[in-house]
């Protein structure tokens, strides 16, 4: 397989020197248990794959983006009693993101998209803070699984190691998914507090109490065909965004409201 010029870990300085890249994409995942049948690296695997597919599509449209090496650790403060689940606190993530932004800004790469694949990660406040110190940078965050309507592809998408994620990894590499007969049912346990059940109060989940098998969502109807269709749709939508962003004038991003 030839090196892909849009994947930084595969390409070289000669290619980079001769190419004018317009957007950097940072895949960000996690390392955590995903039910009994899925790999710990599920979020990172999917972040990397979708980023690569979206970048490939942008290159086919003659738009040069670069996918940076992925970050494999996410916010997992509620899962630290599960062996080998690795937590990276938001404060640490903010420092890592700042160093990446500092590097890119100094190299005149002014557009960065954080492609997130882990529900526990939330980069919005970090980006607000970076906006103050890097007003010349455009930094955005995209949750890849929200870029297409999941219920158009899955009977029960699930929240964690359910039908969506299982189908997606089945498509990327079926050897990484155990037979579904090995999977738990992915049932979750709700807090008893009424405000949380009604959805207007929030607290992080204590994962081993909130789940029975670390999964949230039944993977029983997962298929690689469903995963392929969903990844194709999400990758195409993300690619469209990257192309539009690549050609956008950062000094003229807002439509002026003409109403009186």
C-alpha atoms as a PDB file:
ATOM      1  CA  UNK A   1       0.000   0.000   0.000  1.00  0.00           C
ATOM      2  CA  UNK A   2       1.441   3.353  -1.038  1.00  0.00           C
ATOM      3  CA  UNK A   3       1.718   6.124   1.570  1.00  0.00           C
ATOM      4  CA  UNK A   4      -1.344   8.343   1.626  1.00  0.00           C
ATOM      5  CA  UNK A   5      -0.263  11.988   1.345  1.00  0.00           C
ATOM      6  CA  UNK A   6      -3.177  13.099   3.535  1.00  0.00           C
ATOM      7  CA  UNK A   7      -2.104  10.908   6.494  1.00  0.00           C
ATOM      8  CA  UNK A   8       0.779  12.580   8.314  1.00  0.00           C
ATOM      9  CA  UNK A   9       2.071   9.379   9.926  1.00  0.00           C
ATOM     10  CA  UNK A  10       2.477   7.835   6.461  1.00  0.00           C
ATOM     11  CA  UNK A  11       3.874  10.727   4.457  1.00  0.00           C
ATOM     12  CA  UNK A  12       7.237  12.513   4.349  1.00  0.00           C
ATOM     13  CA  UNK A  13       8.795  15.957   4.385  1.00  0.00           C
ATOM     14  CA  UNK A  14       9.233  16.054   0.592  1.00  0.00           C
ATOM     15  CA  UNK A  15       5.492  15.619   0.096  1.00  0.00           C
ATOM     16  CA  UNK A  16       4.638  18.082   2.849  1.00  0.00           C
ATOM     17  CA  UNK A  17       7.109  20.661   1.529  1.00  0.00           C
ATOM     18  CA  UNK A  18       5.596  20.498  -1.946  1.00  0.00           C
ATOM     19  CA  UNK A  19       1.933  20.580  -0.868  1.00  0.00           C
ATOM     20  CA  UNK A  20      -0.151  23.465   0.361  1.00  0.00           C
ATOM     21  CA  UNK A  21      -2.392  21.991   3.023  1.00  0.00           C
ATOM     22  CA  UNK A  22      -5.481  23.998   3.896  1.00  0.00           C
ATOM     23  CA  UNK A  23      -6.910  22.177   6.943  1.00  0.00           C
ATOM     24  CA  UNK A  24      -5.526  19.923   9.669  1.00  0.00           C
ATOM     25  CA  UNK A  25      -7.742  17.177  11.108  1.00  0.00           C
ATOM     26  CA  UNK A  26      -7.050  15.764  14.572  1.00  0.00           C
ATOM     27  CA  UNK A  27      -8.772  12.418  15.310  1.00  0.00           C
ATOM     28  CA  UNK A  28      -9.408  12.031  19.034  1.00  0.00           C
ATOM     29  CA  UNK A  29     -10.621   8.787  20.577  1.00  0.00           C
ATOM     30  CA  UNK A  30     -10.328   6.939  23.871  1.00  0.00           C
ATOM     31  CA  UNK A  31      -9.076   3.716  25.434  1.00  0.00           C
ATOM     32  CA  UNK A  32     -11.917   2.010  27.279  1.00  0.00           C
ATOM     33  CA  UNK A  33     -13.912  -1.201  27.561  1.00  0.00           C
ATOM     34  CA  UNK A  34     -16.617  -1.680  24.912  1.00  0.00           C
ATOM     35  CA  UNK A  35     -18.863  -4.504  26.107  1.00  0.00           C
ATOM     36  CA  UNK A  36     -17.400  -8.024  25.820  1.00  0.00           C
ATOM     37  CA  UNK A  37     -17.067  -8.178  22.037  1.00  0.00           C
ATOM     38  CA  UNK A  38     -15.399  -4.899  20.995  1.00  0.00           C
ATOM     39  CA  UNK A  39     -11.792  -3.661  21.273  1.00  0.00           C
ATOM     40  CA  UNK A  40     -10.673  -1.081  23.811  1.00  0.00           C
ATOM     41  CA  UNK A  41      -9.485   1.104  20.906  1.00  0.00           C
ATOM     42  CA  UNK A  42     -12.922   1.273  19.243  1.00  0.00           C
ATOM     43  CA  UNK A  43     -13.224   5.069  19.463  1.00  0.00           C
ATOM     44  CA  UNK A  44      -9.697   5.662  18.189  1.00  0.00           C
ATOM     45  CA  UNK A  45     -10.120   3.117  15.380  1.00  0.00           C
ATOM     46  CA  UNK A  46     -13.264   4.859  14.175  1.00  0.00           C
ATOM     47  CA  UNK A  47     -11.845   8.378  14.541  1.00  0.00           C
ATOM     48  CA  UNK A  48      -8.823   7.432  12.446  1.00  0.00           C
ATOM     49  CA  UNK A  49     -10.813   5.585   9.805  1.00  0.00           C
ATOM     50  CA  UNK A  50     -13.454   8.253   9.296  1.00  0.00           C
ATOM     51  CA  UNK A  51     -10.809  10.997   9.236  1.00  0.00           C
ATOM     52  CA  UNK A  52      -8.859   9.113   6.582  1.00  0.00           C
ATOM     53  CA  UNK A  53     -11.946   8.472   4.459  1.00  0.00           C
ATOM     54  CA  UNK A  54     -13.059  12.095   4.668  1.00  0.00           C
ATOM     55  CA  UNK A  55      -9.564  13.300   3.765  1.00  0.00           C
ATOM     56  CA  UNK A  56      -9.421  10.925   0.797  1.00  0.00           C
ATOM     57  CA  UNK A  57     -12.672  12.372  -0.500  1.00  0.00           C
ATOM     58  CA  UNK A  58     -11.385  15.936  -0.120  1.00  0.00           C
ATOM     59  CA  UNK A  59      -8.270  15.080  -2.118  1.00  0.00           C
ATOM     60  CA  UNK A  60     -10.492  13.669  -4.856  1.00  0.00           C
ATOM     61  CA  UNK A  61     -12.018  17.161  -4.932  1.00  0.00           C
ATOM     62  CA  UNK A  62      -8.556  18.715  -5.281  1.00  0.00           C
ATOM     63  CA  UNK A  63      -8.581  20.029  -1.709  1.00  0.00           C
ATOM     64  CA  UNK A  64      -5.558  19.320   0.472  1.00  0.00           C
ATOM     65  CA  UNK A  65      -6.166  18.430   4.102  1.00  0.00           C
ATOM     66  CA  UNK A  66      -3.852  16.622   6.495  1.00  0.00           C
ATOM     67  CA  UNK A  67      -4.890  14.066   9.100  1.00  0.00           C
ATOM     68  CA  UNK A  68      -2.678  14.301  12.190  1.00  0.00           C
ATOM     69  CA  UNK A  69      -1.785  11.262  14.331  1.00  0.00           C
ATOM     70  CA  UNK A  70      -4.704  10.412  16.592  1.00  0.00           C
ATOM     71  CA  UNK A  71      -4.951  10.943  20.335  1.00  0.00           C
ATOM     72  CA  UNK A  72      -5.871   7.599  21.895  1.00  0.00           C
ATOM     73  CA  UNK A  73      -6.887   8.732  25.396  1.00  0.00           C
ATOM     74  CA  UNK A  74     -10.154  10.411  26.345  1.00  0.00           C
ATOM     75  CA  UNK A  75     -12.052  11.521  29.434  1.00  0.00           C
ATOM     76  CA  UNK A  76     -12.922   8.340  31.345  1.00  0.00           C
ATOM     77  CA  UNK A  77     -13.171   9.491  34.954  1.00  0.00           C
ATOM     78  CA  UNK A  78     -16.175   7.260  35.632  1.00  0.00           C
ATOM     79  CA  UNK A  79     -14.484   4.073  34.430  1.00  0.00           C
ATOM     80  CA  UNK A  80     -11.253   3.988  36.394  1.00  0.00           C
ATOM     81  CA  UNK A  81     -12.322   0.815  38.209  1.00  0.00           C
ATOM     82  CA  UNK A  82     -12.211  -1.047  34.866  1.00  0.00           C
ATOM     83  CA  UNK A  83      -8.674  -2.382  34.212  1.00  0.00           C
ATOM     84  CA  UNK A  84      -6.762  -0.656  31.407  1.00  0.00           C
ATOM     85  CA  UNK A  85      -9.353   2.021  30.825  1.00  0.00           C
ATOM     86  CA  UNK A  86      -7.102   5.071  30.567  1.00  0.00           C
ATOM     87  CA  UNK A  87      -8.328   8.504  31.608  1.00  0.00           C
ATOM     88  CA  UNK A  88      -7.000  11.785  30.242  1.00  0.00           C
ATOM     89  CA  UNK A  89      -8.491  14.640  32.253  1.00  0.00           C
ATOM     90  CA  UNK A  90      -9.988  17.621  30.404  1.00  0.00           C
ATOM     91  CA  UNK A  91      -7.245  19.838  31.852  1.00  0.00           C
ATOM     92  CA  UNK A  92      -4.616  17.566  30.277  1.00  0.00           C
ATOM     93  CA  UNK A  93      -6.508  17.474  26.992  1.00  0.00           C
ATOM     94  CA  UNK A  94      -6.567  21.267  26.998  1.00  0.00           C
ATOM     95  CA  UNK A  95      -2.766  21.390  27.333  1.00  0.00           C
ATOM     96  CA  UNK A  96      -2.284  18.838  24.562  1.00  0.00           C
ATOM     97  CA  UNK A  97      -4.660  20.727  22.282  1.00  0.00           C
ATOM     98  CA  UNK A  98      -2.944  24.024  23.066  1.00  0.00           C
ATOM     99  CA  UNK A  99       0.470  22.612  22.107  1.00  0.00           C
ATOM    100  CA  UNK A 100      -0.939  21.326  18.817  1.00  0.00           C
ATOM    101  CA  UNK A 101      -2.592  24.669  18.058  1.00  0.00           C
ATOM    102  CA  UNK A 102       0.596  26.551  18.961  1.00  0.00           C
ATOM    103  CA  UNK A 103       2.555  24.360  16.555  1.00  0.00           C
ATOM    104  CA  UNK A 104       0.122  24.673  13.663  1.00  0.00           C
ATOM    105  CA  UNK A 105      -0.351  28.410  14.108  1.00  0.00           C
ATOM    106  CA  UNK A 106       3.385  29.000  13.922  1.00  0.00           C
ATOM    107  CA  UNK A 107       3.473  27.019  10.672  1.00  0.00           C
ATOM    108  CA  UNK A 108       0.690  29.154   9.162  1.00  0.00           C
ATOM    109  CA  UNK A 109      -1.829  26.317   9.263  1.00  0.00           C
ATOM    110  CA  UNK A 110      -4.796  28.260  10.548  1.00  0.00           C
ATOM    111  CA  UNK A 111      -7.685  25.782  10.289  1.00  0.00           C
ATOM    112  CA  UNK A 112      -8.033  22.799  12.629  1.00  0.00           C
ATOM    113  CA  UNK A 113     -10.890  20.333  13.014  1.00  0.00           C
ATOM    114  CA  UNK A 114     -10.928  18.035  16.045  1.00  0.00           C
ATOM    115  CA  UNK A 115     -12.714  14.886  14.882  1.00  0.00           C
ATOM    116  CA  UNK A 116     -14.072  13.347  18.057  1.00  0.00           C
ATOM    117  CA  UNK A 117     -15.196   9.730  18.476  1.00  0.00           C
ATOM    118  CA  UNK A 118     -15.762   9.533  22.241  1.00  0.00           C
ATOM    119  CA  UNK A 119     -18.861  10.814  24.005  1.00  0.00           C
ATOM    120  CA  UNK A 120     -16.920  11.686  27.150  1.00  0.00           C
ATOM    121  CA  UNK A 121     -14.773  14.202  25.265  1.00  0.00           C
ATOM    122  CA  UNK A 122     -16.025  17.770  24.993  1.00  0.00           C
ATOM    123  CA  UNK A 123     -13.650  20.263  23.398  1.00  0.00           C
ATOM    124  CA  UNK A 124     -15.946  23.270  23.193  1.00  0.00           C
ATOM    125  CA  UNK A 125     -14.736  25.110  26.296  1.00  0.00           C
ATOM    126  CA  UNK A 126     -11.112  24.383  25.382  1.00  0.00           C
ATOM    127  CA  UNK A 127     -11.682  25.893  21.954  1.00  0.00           C
ATOM    128  CA  UNK A 128     -13.310  28.964  23.520  1.00  0.00           C
ATOM    129  CA  UNK A 129     -10.189  29.460  25.598  1.00  0.00           C
ATOM    130  CA  UNK A 130      -7.893  29.004  22.601  1.00  0.00           C
ATOM    131  CA  UNK A 131      -9.942  31.516  20.630  1.00  0.00           C
ATOM    132  CA  UNK A 132      -8.770  34.210  23.016  1.00  0.00           C
ATOM    133  CA  UNK A 133      -5.066  33.452  22.565  1.00  0.00           C
ATOM    134  CA  UNK A 134      -5.244  32.473  18.869  1.00  0.00           C
ATOM    135  CA  UNK A 135      -7.785  34.813  17.253  1.00  0.00           C
ATOM    136  CA  UNK A 136      -6.257  34.116  13.841  1.00  0.00           C
ATOM    137  CA  UNK A 137      -7.047  30.380  14.103  1.00  0.00           C
ATOM    138  CA  UNK A 138     -10.306  28.644  13.178  1.00  0.00           C
ATOM    139  CA  UNK A 139     -10.759  25.647  15.463  1.00  0.00           C
ATOM    140  CA  UNK A 140     -13.864  23.482  15.400  1.00  0.00           C
ATOM    141  CA  UNK A 141     -14.951  20.151  16.799  1.00  0.00           C
ATOM    142  CA  UNK A 142     -17.057  17.478  15.100  1.00  0.00           C
ATOM    143  CA  UNK A 143     -18.562  14.365  16.692  1.00  0.00           C
ATOM    144  CA  UNK A 144     -18.297  12.013  13.722  1.00  0.00           C
ATOM    145  CA  UNK A 145     -21.292   9.833  14.644  1.00  0.00           C
ATOM    146  CA  UNK A 146     -23.604  12.856  14.601  1.00  0.00           C
ATOM    147  CA  UNK A 147     -22.833  13.873  11.025  1.00  0.00           C
ATOM    148  CA  UNK A 148     -25.550  11.585   9.620  1.00  0.00           C
ATOM    149  CA  UNK A 149     -28.908  10.524  11.073  1.00  0.00           C
ATOM    150  CA  UNK A 150     -28.146   7.250  12.826  1.00  0.00           C
ATOM    151  CA  UNK A 151     -31.752   5.997  12.829  1.00  0.00           C
ATOM    152  CA  UNK A 152     -31.692   6.000   9.023  1.00  0.00           C
ATOM    153  CA  UNK A 153     -29.124   3.205   9.205  1.00  0.00           C
ATOM    154  CA  UNK A 154     -29.707   1.316  12.466  1.00  0.00           C
ATOM    155  CA  UNK A 155     -32.670  -0.208  14.294  1.00  0.00           C
ATOM    156  CA  UNK A 156     -31.198   0.657  17.705  1.00  0.00           C
ATOM    157  CA  UNK A 157     -28.001   2.745  17.325  1.00  0.00           C
ATOM    158  CA  UNK A 158     -27.059   2.600  20.994  1.00  0.00           C
ATOM    159  CA  UNK A 159     -24.762   4.858  22.982  1.00  0.00           C
ATOM    160  CA  UNK A 160     -21.672   2.721  23.596  1.00  0.00           C
ATOM    161  CA  UNK A 161     -20.686  -0.547  21.875  1.00  0.00           C
ATOM    162  CA  UNK A 162     -24.209  -0.843  20.520  1.00  0.00           C
ATOM    163  CA  UNK A 163     -25.396  -1.452  16.988  1.00  0.00           C
ATOM    164  CA  UNK A 164     -23.788   1.674  15.509  1.00  0.00           C
ATOM    165  CA  UNK A 165     -20.260   1.227  16.841  1.00  0.00           C
ATOM    166  CA  UNK A 166     -20.299  -2.538  16.432  1.00  0.00           C
ATOM    167  CA  UNK A 167     -21.425  -2.308  12.812  1.00  0.00           C
ATOM    168  CA  UNK A 168     -18.826   0.359  12.092  1.00  0.00           C
ATOM    169  CA  UNK A 169     -15.926  -1.710  13.444  1.00  0.00           C
ATOM    170  CA  UNK A 170     -17.290  -4.807  11.706  1.00  0.00           C
ATOM    171  CA  UNK A 171     -16.888  -2.856   8.469  1.00  0.00           C
ATOM    172  CA  UNK A 172     -13.445  -1.452   9.259  1.00  0.00           C
ATOM    173  CA  UNK A 173     -12.024  -4.790  10.457  1.00  0.00           C
ATOM    174  CA  UNK A 174     -14.363  -7.697  11.281  1.00  0.00           C
ATOM    175  CA  UNK A 175     -11.493  -9.604  12.912  1.00  0.00           C
ATOM    176  CA  UNK A 176     -11.557  -7.114  15.793  1.00  0.00           C
ATOM    177  CA  UNK A 177     -15.145  -7.996  16.766  1.00  0.00           C
ATOM    178  CA  UNK A 178     -15.971 -11.208  18.601  1.00  0.00           C
ATOM    179  CA  UNK A 179     -19.083 -13.160  17.555  1.00  0.00           C
ATOM    180  CA  UNK A 180     -22.174 -11.320  18.738  1.00  0.00           C
ATOM    181  CA  UNK A 181     -23.103 -14.366  20.806  1.00  0.00           C
ATOM    182  CA  UNK A 182     -20.260 -13.260  23.114  1.00  0.00           C
ATOM    183  CA  UNK A 183     -21.695  -9.759  23.586  1.00  0.00           C
ATOM    184  CA  UNK A 184     -23.700  -8.564  26.538  1.00  0.00           C
ATOM    185  CA  UNK A 185     -27.148  -7.055  26.003  1.00  0.00           C
ATOM    186  CA  UNK A 186     -25.889  -3.513  26.594  1.00  0.00           C
ATOM    187  CA  UNK A 187     -28.646  -2.603  29.043  1.00  0.00           C
ATOM    188  CA  UNK A 188     -28.065   0.520  31.129  1.00  0.00           C
ATOM    189  CA  UNK A 189     -29.257   1.384  34.623  1.00  0.00           C
ATOM    190  CA  UNK A 190     -30.813   4.804  35.246  1.00  0.00           C
ATOM    191  CA  UNK A 191     -30.165   6.995  38.249  1.00  0.00           C
ATOM    192  CA  UNK A 192     -33.068   6.957  40.704  1.00  0.00           C
ATOM    193  CA  UNK A 193     -33.078  10.761  40.918  1.00  0.00           C
ATOM    194  CA  UNK A 194     -36.155  12.184  39.180  1.00  0.00           C
ATOM    195  CA  UNK A 195     -34.417  15.250  37.717  1.00  0.00           C
ATOM    196  CA  UNK A 196     -31.867  13.048  35.965  1.00  0.00           C
ATOM    197  CA  UNK A 197     -34.550  10.739  34.611  1.00  0.00           C
ATOM    198  CA  UNK A 198     -36.364  13.777  33.216  1.00  0.00           C
ATOM    199  CA  UNK A 199     -33.135  14.986  31.604  1.00  0.00           C
ATOM    200  CA  UNK A 200     -32.718  18.442  33.162  1.00  0.00           C
ATOM    201  CA  UNK A 201     -29.959  17.501  35.603  1.00  0.00           C
ATOM    202  CA  UNK A 202     -26.689  15.859  34.641  1.00  0.00           C
ATOM    203  CA  UNK A 203     -23.812  14.089  36.340  1.00  0.00           C
ATOM    204  CA  UNK A 204     -21.113  11.783  34.963  1.00  0.00           C
ATOM    205  CA  UNK A 205     -22.062   8.119  34.987  1.00  0.00           C
ATOM    206  CA  UNK A 206     -20.358   5.667  37.317  1.00  0.00           C
ATOM    207  CA  UNK A 207     -19.876   3.179  34.528  1.00  0.00           C
ATOM    208  CA  UNK A 208     -19.873  -0.161  36.327  1.00  0.00           C
ATOM    209  CA  UNK A 209     -23.049   0.866  38.186  1.00  0.00           C
ATOM    210  CA  UNK A 210     -24.748   2.445  35.182  1.00  0.00           C
ATOM    211  CA  UNK A 211     -24.053  -0.562  32.919  1.00  0.00           C
ATOM    212  CA  UNK A 212     -24.025  -4.334  33.306  1.00  0.00           C
ATOM    213  CA  UNK A 213     -21.373  -5.199  30.686  1.00  0.00           C
ATOM    214  CA  UNK A 214     -19.857  -1.725  29.961  1.00  0.00           C
ATOM    215  CA  UNK A 215     -22.103  -1.470  26.894  1.00  0.00           C
ATOM    216  CA  UNK A 216     -25.053   0.878  26.361  1.00  0.00           C
ATOM    217  CA  UNK A 217     -27.163  -0.356  23.476  1.00  0.00           C
ATOM    218  CA  UNK A 218     -27.913  -3.823  22.124  1.00  0.00           C
ATOM    219  CA  UNK A 219     -25.460  -4.865  19.377  1.00  0.00           C
ATOM    220  CA  UNK A 220     -27.516  -7.908  18.290  1.00  0.00           C
ATOM    221  CA  UNK A 221     -28.599  -6.481  14.914  1.00  0.00           C
ATOM    222  CA  UNK A 222     -25.171  -5.178  13.933  1.00  0.00           C
ATOM    223  CA  UNK A 223     -23.860  -5.941  10.439  1.00  0.00           C
ATOM    224  CA  UNK A 224     -20.812  -4.785   8.477  1.00  0.00           C
ATOM    225  CA  UNK A 225     -23.145  -3.637   5.689  1.00  0.00           C
ATOM    226  CA  UNK A 226     -24.871  -1.180   8.033  1.00  0.00           C
ATOM    227  CA  UNK A 227     -21.490   0.040   9.226  1.00  0.00           C
ATOM    228  CA  UNK A 228     -20.257   0.559   5.666  1.00  0.00           C
ATOM    229  CA  UNK A 229     -23.281   2.635   4.671  1.00  0.00           C
ATOM    230  CA  UNK A 230     -23.099   4.785   7.800  1.00  0.00           C
ATOM    231  CA  UNK A 231     -19.359   5.411   7.508  1.00  0.00           C
ATOM    232  CA  UNK A 232     -19.769   6.295   3.838  1.00  0.00           C
ATOM    233  CA  UNK A 233     -22.472   8.823   4.697  1.00  0.00           C
ATOM    234  CA  UNK A 234     -20.613  10.389   7.609  1.00  0.00           C
ATOM    235  CA  UNK A 235     -17.313  10.527   5.723  1.00  0.00           C
ATOM    236  CA  UNK A 236     -18.985  12.250   2.780  1.00  0.00           C
ATOM    237  CA  UNK A 237     -20.622  14.847   5.028  1.00  0.00           C
ATOM    238  CA  UNK A 238     -17.384  15.532   6.892  1.00  0.00           C
ATOM    239  CA  UNK A 239     -15.505  15.808   3.602  1.00  0.00           C
ATOM    240  CA  UNK A 240     -18.003  18.404   2.368  1.00  0.00           C
ATOM    241  CA  UNK A 241     -17.396  20.427   5.519  1.00  0.00           C
ATOM    242  CA  UNK A 242     -13.619  20.181   5.127  1.00  0.00           C
ATOM    243  CA  UNK A 243     -13.770  21.314   1.504  1.00  0.00           C
ATOM    244  CA  UNK A 244     -15.984  24.270   2.384  1.00  0.00           C
ATOM    245  CA  UNK A 245     -13.731  25.209   5.297  1.00  0.00           C
ATOM    246  CA  UNK A 246     -10.576  24.858   3.208  1.00  0.00           C
ATOM    247  CA  UNK A 247     -11.837  27.420   0.712  1.00  0.00           C
ATOM    248  CA  UNK A 248     -13.401  29.751   3.286  1.00  0.00           C
ATOM    249  CA  UNK A 249     -11.994  33.224   3.924  1.00  0.00           C
ATOM    250  CA  UNK A 250     -11.447  33.420   7.675  1.00  0.00           C
ATOM    251  CA  UNK A 251     -11.925  37.187   7.545  1.00  0.00           C
ATOM    252  CA  UNK A 252     -15.330  36.844   5.919  1.00  0.00           C
ATOM    253  CA  UNK A 253     -17.090  33.883   7.529  1.00  0.00           C
ATOM    254  CA  UNK A 254     -20.369  35.433   8.618  1.00  0.00           C
ATOM    255  CA  UNK A 255     -23.411  36.216   6.505  1.00  0.00           C
ATOM    256  CA  UNK A 256     -24.571  39.744   7.195  1.00  0.00           C
ATOM    257  CA  UNK A 257     -28.176  39.902   8.353  1.00  0.00           C
ATOM    258  CA  UNK A 258     -29.912  42.321   5.994  1.00  0.00           C
ATOM    259  CA  UNK A 259     -33.150  42.531   8.000  1.00  0.00           C
ATOM    260  CA  UNK A 260     -33.989  45.819   9.699  1.00  0.00           C
END
